[in-house]
Amino acid sequence: MRTTEDVFAHHLQAFAQGLDALLSDYSEESSILLQSGPITGIPAIRRFFEAFLKDIKPGFWEAFKIHRQDVCAEMAYLVWEAKPFIAMATDTLLVRDGKIHVQTFTALG
């Protein structure tokens, strides 16, 4: 079974591989807690990432910079930016059974 480190590393690389690679890190029971409220299940998570990826502006990935990346047991934590698009963002992942069980995501413009 994939470890928290495995899932975290794959999730970061999956953005370059596309939507199906991203979704492979989640299960039907997975939830993402967002500033707008929680979403649960693959269909809702798919819609979230479709919108996120569609809204990415040219230069976003070149501006993407990781400030902090930590793993502790089942938890993974990421602090990043993509200025001028996103001044600061955090992701926290709770990994269980080789999948992201719960993720939090907050971004500040």
N, C-alpha and C. Protein backbone atom coordinates (compact mmCIF):
# COMPACT_ATOMS: atom_id res chain seq x y z
N MET A 1 0.84 -1.18 0.00
CA MET A 1 0.00 0.00 0.00
C MET A 1 0.89 1.25 0.00
N ARG A 2 0.41 2.29 -0.68
CA ARG A 2 1.18 3.52 -0.76
C ARG A 2 1.22 4.23 0.59
N THR A 3 2.38 4.78 0.91
CA THR A 3 2.56 5.54 2.14
C THR A 3 2.07 6.97 1.93
N THR A 4 2.01 7.72 3.02
CA THR A 4 1.68 9.14 2.93
C THR A 4 2.66 9.85 2.01
N GLU A 5 3.95 9.54 2.15
CA GLU A 5 4.97 10.15 1.29
C GLU A 5 4.72 9.82 -0.18
N ASP A 6 4.37 8.56 -0.46
CA ASP A 6 4.09 8.14 -1.84
C ASP A 6 2.92 8.91 -2.43
N VAL A 7 1.84 8.99 -1.68
CA VAL A 7 0.63 9.67 -2.16
C VAL A 7 0.92 11.16 -2.37
N PHE A 8 1.62 11.77 -1.42
CA PHE A 8 1.94 13.20 -1.51
C PHE A 8 2.79 13.48 -2.75
N ALA A 9 3.83 12.69 -2.95
CA ALA A 9 4.71 12.87 -4.11
C ALA A 9 3.93 12.68 -5.41
N HIS A 10 3.11 11.65 -5.46
CA HIS A 10 2.32 11.41 -6.66
C HIS A 10 1.36 12.56 -6.93
N HIS A 11 0.72 13.05 -5.88
CA HIS A 11 -0.26 14.13 -6.04
C HIS A 11 0.41 15.37 -6.64
N LEU A 12 1.59 15.70 -6.18
CA LEU A 12 2.30 16.87 -6.72
C LEU A 12 2.68 16.66 -8.18
N GLN A 13 3.09 15.47 -8.53
CA GLN A 13 3.47 15.16 -9.92
C GLN A 13 2.26 15.02 -10.83
N ALA A 14 1.12 14.66 -10.27
CA ALA A 14 -0.07 14.38 -11.07
C ALA A 14 -0.61 15.60 -11.80
N PHE A 15 -0.33 16.79 -11.31
CA PHE A 15 -0.81 17.99 -12.00
C PHE A 15 -0.27 18.04 -13.42
N ALA A 16 0.94 17.58 -13.63
CA ALA A 16 1.54 17.57 -14.97
C ALA A 16 1.01 16.41 -15.81
N GLN A 17 0.40 15.42 -15.16
CA GLN A 17 -0.07 14.23 -15.87
C GLN A 17 -1.55 14.29 -16.24
N GLY A 18 -2.28 15.21 -15.65
CA GLY A 18 -3.68 15.38 -16.02
C GLY A 18 -4.67 14.97 -14.95
N LEU A 19 -5.92 15.20 -15.29
CA LEU A 19 -7.02 15.03 -14.35
C LEU A 19 -7.15 13.61 -13.82
N ASP A 20 -7.04 12.61 -14.69
CA ASP A 20 -7.19 11.23 -14.23
C ASP A 20 -6.09 10.85 -13.23
N ALA A 21 -4.88 11.33 -13.45
CA ALA A 21 -3.79 11.08 -12.50
C ALA A 21 -4.09 11.71 -11.15
N LEU A 22 -4.62 12.94 -11.16
CA LEU A 22 -5.00 13.60 -9.91
C LEU A 22 -6.08 12.81 -9.18
N LEU A 23 -7.11 12.41 -9.91
CA LEU A 23 -8.24 11.72 -9.29
C LEU A 23 -7.86 10.35 -8.75
N SER A 24 -6.81 9.75 -9.28
CA SER A 24 -6.40 8.42 -8.80
C SER A 24 -5.93 8.44 -7.35
N ASP A 25 -5.65 9.63 -6.81
CA ASP A 25 -5.23 9.75 -5.41
C ASP A 25 -6.41 9.78 -4.44
N TYR A 26 -7.64 9.84 -4.96
CA TYR A 26 -8.84 9.96 -4.13
C TYR A 26 -9.70 8.71 -4.25
N SER A 27 -10.61 8.55 -3.28
CA SER A 27 -11.62 7.49 -3.34
C SER A 27 -13.00 8.15 -3.34
N GLU A 28 -14.03 7.35 -3.50
CA GLU A 28 -15.39 7.88 -3.49
C GLU A 28 -15.74 8.49 -2.14
N GLU A 29 -15.04 8.10 -1.08
CA GLU A 29 -15.29 8.63 0.26
C GLU A 29 -14.45 9.88 0.56
N SER A 30 -13.57 10.25 -0.33
CA SER A 30 -12.68 11.40 -0.09
C SER A 30 -13.45 12.71 -0.06
N SER A 31 -12.93 13.64 0.75
CA SER A 31 -13.51 14.99 0.84
C SER A 31 -12.40 16.02 0.72
N ILE A 32 -12.75 17.18 0.17
CA ILE A 32 -11.86 18.33 0.18
C ILE A 32 -12.61 19.45 0.89
N LEU A 33 -11.98 20.02 1.91
CA LEU A 33 -12.55 21.14 2.65
C LEU A 33 -12.01 22.42 2.02
N LEU A 34 -12.93 23.22 1.48
CA LEU A 34 -12.58 24.44 0.76
C LEU A 34 -13.11 25.67 1.49
N GLN A 35 -12.64 26.83 1.09
CA GLN A 35 -13.15 28.07 1.67
C GLN A 35 -14.66 28.19 1.42
N SER A 36 -15.15 27.63 0.32
CA SER A 36 -16.57 27.69 -0.03
C SER A 36 -17.39 26.56 0.60
N GLY A 37 -16.73 25.61 1.27
CA GLY A 37 -17.42 24.50 1.90
C GLY A 37 -16.86 23.17 1.42
N PRO A 38 -17.28 22.07 2.05
CA PRO A 38 -16.72 20.76 1.72
C PRO A 38 -17.33 20.17 0.45
N ILE A 39 -16.53 19.35 -0.24
CA ILE A 39 -17.01 18.54 -1.35
C ILE A 39 -16.59 17.11 -1.08
N THR A 40 -17.40 16.15 -1.51
CA THR A 40 -17.12 14.74 -1.23
C THR A 40 -17.43 13.91 -2.47
N GLY A 41 -16.57 12.92 -2.71
CA GLY A 41 -16.78 11.97 -3.79
C GLY A 41 -16.07 12.36 -5.07
N ILE A 42 -15.80 11.36 -5.89
CA ILE A 42 -15.06 11.56 -7.13
C ILE A 42 -15.74 12.55 -8.08
N PRO A 43 -17.05 12.49 -8.31
CA PRO A 43 -17.66 13.46 -9.23
C PRO A 43 -17.45 14.92 -8.79
N ALA A 44 -17.62 15.20 -7.51
CA ALA A 44 -17.44 16.57 -7.01
C ALA A 44 -15.97 16.98 -7.06
N ILE A 45 -15.08 16.07 -6.73
CA ILE A 45 -13.65 16.37 -6.77
C ILE A 45 -13.21 16.58 -8.22
N ARG A 46 -13.76 15.80 -9.15
CA ARG A 46 -13.48 15.99 -10.57
C ARG A 46 -13.89 17.40 -11.01
N ARG A 47 -15.10 17.82 -10.65
CA ARG A 47 -15.56 19.16 -11.03
C ARG A 47 -14.65 20.24 -10.47
N PHE A 48 -14.22 20.06 -9.20
CA PHE A 48 -13.32 21.04 -8.59
C PHE A 48 -12.03 21.16 -9.39
N PHE A 49 -11.39 20.03 -9.69
CA PHE A 49 -10.11 20.08 -10.40
C PHE A 49 -10.28 20.50 -11.85
N GLU A 50 -11.39 20.15 -12.49
CA GLU A 50 -11.64 20.64 -13.85
C GLU A 50 -11.67 22.17 -13.86
N ALA A 51 -12.38 22.75 -12.90
CA ALA A 51 -12.47 24.21 -12.82
C ALA A 51 -11.11 24.82 -12.47
N PHE A 52 -10.41 24.22 -11.51
CA PHE A 52 -9.09 24.73 -11.11
C PHE A 52 -8.13 24.73 -12.29
N LEU A 53 -8.05 23.61 -13.00
CA LEU A 53 -7.12 23.50 -14.12
C LEU A 53 -7.52 24.40 -15.28
N LYS A 54 -8.82 24.56 -15.51
CA LYS A 54 -9.30 25.44 -16.59
C LYS A 54 -8.94 26.90 -16.32
N ASP A 55 -8.96 27.29 -15.05
CA ASP A 55 -8.72 28.69 -14.68
C ASP A 55 -7.25 29.07 -14.59
N ILE A 56 -6.35 28.10 -14.74
CA ILE A 56 -4.92 28.41 -14.64
C ILE A 56 -4.49 29.29 -15.81
N LYS A 57 -3.84 30.37 -15.48
CA LYS A 57 -3.38 31.34 -16.47
C LYS A 57 -1.98 30.99 -16.96
N PRO A 58 -1.63 31.44 -18.17
CA PRO A 58 -0.26 31.25 -18.64
C PRO A 58 0.74 31.83 -17.64
N GLY A 59 1.79 31.09 -17.38
CA GLY A 59 2.81 31.51 -16.43
C GLY A 59 2.61 30.99 -15.02
N PHE A 60 1.43 30.38 -14.75
CA PHE A 60 1.15 29.90 -13.40
C PHE A 60 2.18 28.87 -12.95
N TRP A 61 2.41 27.84 -13.77
CA TRP A 61 3.31 26.77 -13.35
C TRP A 61 4.74 27.25 -13.24
N GLU A 62 5.12 28.20 -14.05
CA GLU A 62 6.47 28.77 -13.94
C GLU A 62 6.63 29.55 -12.64
N ALA A 63 5.51 30.12 -12.15
CA ALA A 63 5.53 30.90 -10.91
C ALA A 63 5.34 30.04 -9.67
N PHE A 64 4.93 28.79 -9.84
CA PHE A 64 4.64 27.90 -8.72
C PHE A 64 5.92 27.63 -7.93
N LYS A 65 5.84 27.88 -6.62
CA LYS A 65 7.01 27.70 -5.74
C LYS A 65 6.55 27.10 -4.42
N ILE A 66 7.18 26.00 -4.02
CA ILE A 66 6.87 25.36 -2.74
C ILE A 66 7.73 25.99 -1.66
N HIS A 67 7.08 26.44 -0.58
CA HIS A 67 7.80 27.01 0.56
C HIS A 67 8.04 25.98 1.66
N ARG A 68 7.09 25.08 1.83
CA ARG A 68 7.22 24.09 2.90
C ARG A 68 6.47 22.83 2.49
N GLN A 69 7.07 21.69 2.80
CA GLN A 69 6.49 20.40 2.48
C GLN A 69 6.86 19.45 3.61
N ASP A 70 5.86 19.00 4.37
CA ASP A 70 6.11 18.14 5.53
C ASP A 70 5.17 16.94 5.52
N VAL A 71 5.66 15.83 6.05
CA VAL A 71 4.84 14.64 6.25
C VAL A 71 5.05 14.18 7.69
N CYS A 72 3.94 13.88 8.37
CA CYS A 72 3.98 13.37 9.73
C CYS A 72 2.88 12.32 9.85
N ALA A 73 3.29 11.06 9.91
CA ALA A 73 2.34 9.93 9.99
C ALA A 73 1.39 9.97 8.79
N GLU A 74 0.08 10.12 9.04
CA GLU A 74 -0.92 10.12 7.97
C GLU A 74 -1.15 11.49 7.35
N MET A 75 -0.44 12.50 7.85
CA MET A 75 -0.68 13.88 7.42
C MET A 75 0.45 14.39 6.52
N ALA A 76 0.06 15.16 5.50
CA ALA A 76 1.01 15.85 4.65
C ALA A 76 0.57 17.31 4.58
N TYR A 77 1.55 18.21 4.54
CA TYR A 77 1.28 19.65 4.58
C TYR A 77 2.12 20.34 3.53
N LEU A 78 1.51 21.26 2.79
CA LEU A 78 2.19 21.98 1.72
C LEU A 78 1.85 23.46 1.82
N VAL A 79 2.87 24.31 1.76
CA VAL A 79 2.68 25.76 1.65
C VAL A 79 3.31 26.17 0.33
N TRP A 80 2.56 26.90 -0.50
CA TRP A 80 3.07 27.25 -1.81
C TRP A 80 2.53 28.61 -2.27
N GLU A 81 3.10 29.09 -3.34
CA GLU A 81 2.65 30.33 -3.98
C GLU A 81 2.79 30.17 -5.48
N ALA A 82 2.12 31.04 -6.19
CA ALA A 82 2.29 31.17 -7.64
C ALA A 82 2.00 32.63 -7.98
N LYS A 83 2.85 33.51 -7.46
CA LYS A 83 2.65 34.96 -7.64
C LYS A 83 2.87 35.33 -9.10
N PRO A 84 2.04 36.20 -9.62
CA PRO A 84 1.03 37.06 -9.00
C PRO A 84 -0.36 36.43 -8.91
N PHE A 85 -0.50 35.17 -9.29
CA PHE A 85 -1.82 34.53 -9.37
C PHE A 85 -2.34 34.14 -7.99
N ILE A 86 -1.50 33.53 -7.18
CA ILE A 86 -1.85 33.12 -5.82
C ILE A 86 -0.71 33.54 -4.91
N ALA A 87 -1.01 34.44 -3.97
CA ALA A 87 0.03 34.97 -3.08
C ALA A 87 0.51 33.91 -2.09
N MET A 88 -0.41 33.09 -1.60
CA MET A 88 -0.05 32.01 -0.68
C MET A 88 -1.19 30.99 -0.67
N ALA A 89 -0.82 29.73 -0.56
CA ALA A 89 -1.82 28.66 -0.47
C ALA A 89 -1.29 27.56 0.42
N THR A 90 -2.22 26.83 1.03
CA THR A 90 -1.84 25.65 1.82
C THR A 90 -2.75 24.49 1.44
N ASP A 91 -2.17 23.32 1.47
CA ASP A 91 -2.89 22.07 1.31
C ASP A 91 -2.49 21.18 2.48
N THR A 92 -3.46 20.53 3.08
CA THR A 92 -3.20 19.52 4.10
C THR A 92 -3.92 18.26 3.66
N LEU A 93 -3.22 17.14 3.69
CA LEU A 93 -3.79 15.87 3.26
C LEU A 93 -3.78 14.88 4.42
N LEU A 94 -4.89 14.21 4.62
CA LEU A 94 -4.97 13.07 5.53
C LEU A 94 -5.05 11.84 4.64
N VAL A 95 -4.03 10.99 4.70
CA VAL A 95 -3.93 9.83 3.83
C VAL A 95 -4.26 8.57 4.62
N ARG A 96 -5.20 7.80 4.07
CA ARG A 96 -5.58 6.52 4.67
C ARG A 96 -5.76 5.49 3.56
N ASP A 97 -5.26 4.29 3.80
CA ASP A 97 -5.40 3.20 2.83
C ASP A 97 -4.88 3.58 1.45
N GLY A 98 -3.80 4.37 1.42
CA GLY A 98 -3.15 4.72 0.17
C GLY A 98 -3.87 5.75 -0.68
N LYS A 99 -4.87 6.43 -0.10
CA LYS A 99 -5.63 7.46 -0.81
C LYS A 99 -5.75 8.71 0.06
N ILE A 100 -6.01 9.85 -0.58
CA ILE A 100 -6.29 11.07 0.17
C ILE A 100 -7.71 10.92 0.72
N HIS A 101 -7.81 10.82 2.03
CA HIS A 101 -9.12 10.67 2.68
C HIS A 101 -9.78 12.04 2.85
N VAL A 102 -9.01 13.00 3.38
CA VAL A 102 -9.49 14.37 3.54
C VAL A 102 -8.35 15.30 3.14
N GLN A 103 -8.70 16.35 2.42
CA GLN A 103 -7.75 17.39 2.05
C GLN A 103 -8.35 18.74 2.42
N THR A 104 -7.52 19.63 2.91
CA THR A 104 -7.93 21.02 3.04
C THR A 104 -7.15 21.82 2.02
N PHE A 105 -7.78 22.86 1.48
CA PHE A 105 -7.11 23.74 0.52
C PHE A 105 -7.58 25.16 0.77
N THR A 106 -6.62 26.05 0.97
CA THR A 106 -6.91 27.47 1.13
C THR A 106 -5.92 28.25 0.28
N ALA A 107 -6.44 29.21 -0.46
CA ALA A 107 -5.59 30.06 -1.30
C ALA A 107 -5.98 31.51 -1.10
N LEU A 108 -4.98 32.36 -1.03
CA LEU A 108 -5.18 33.80 -0.92
C LEU A 108 -4.64 34.46 -2.17
N GLY A 109 -5.48 35.30 -2.79
CA GLY A 109 -5.12 35.97 -4.04
C GLY A 109 -3.93 36.79 -3.91
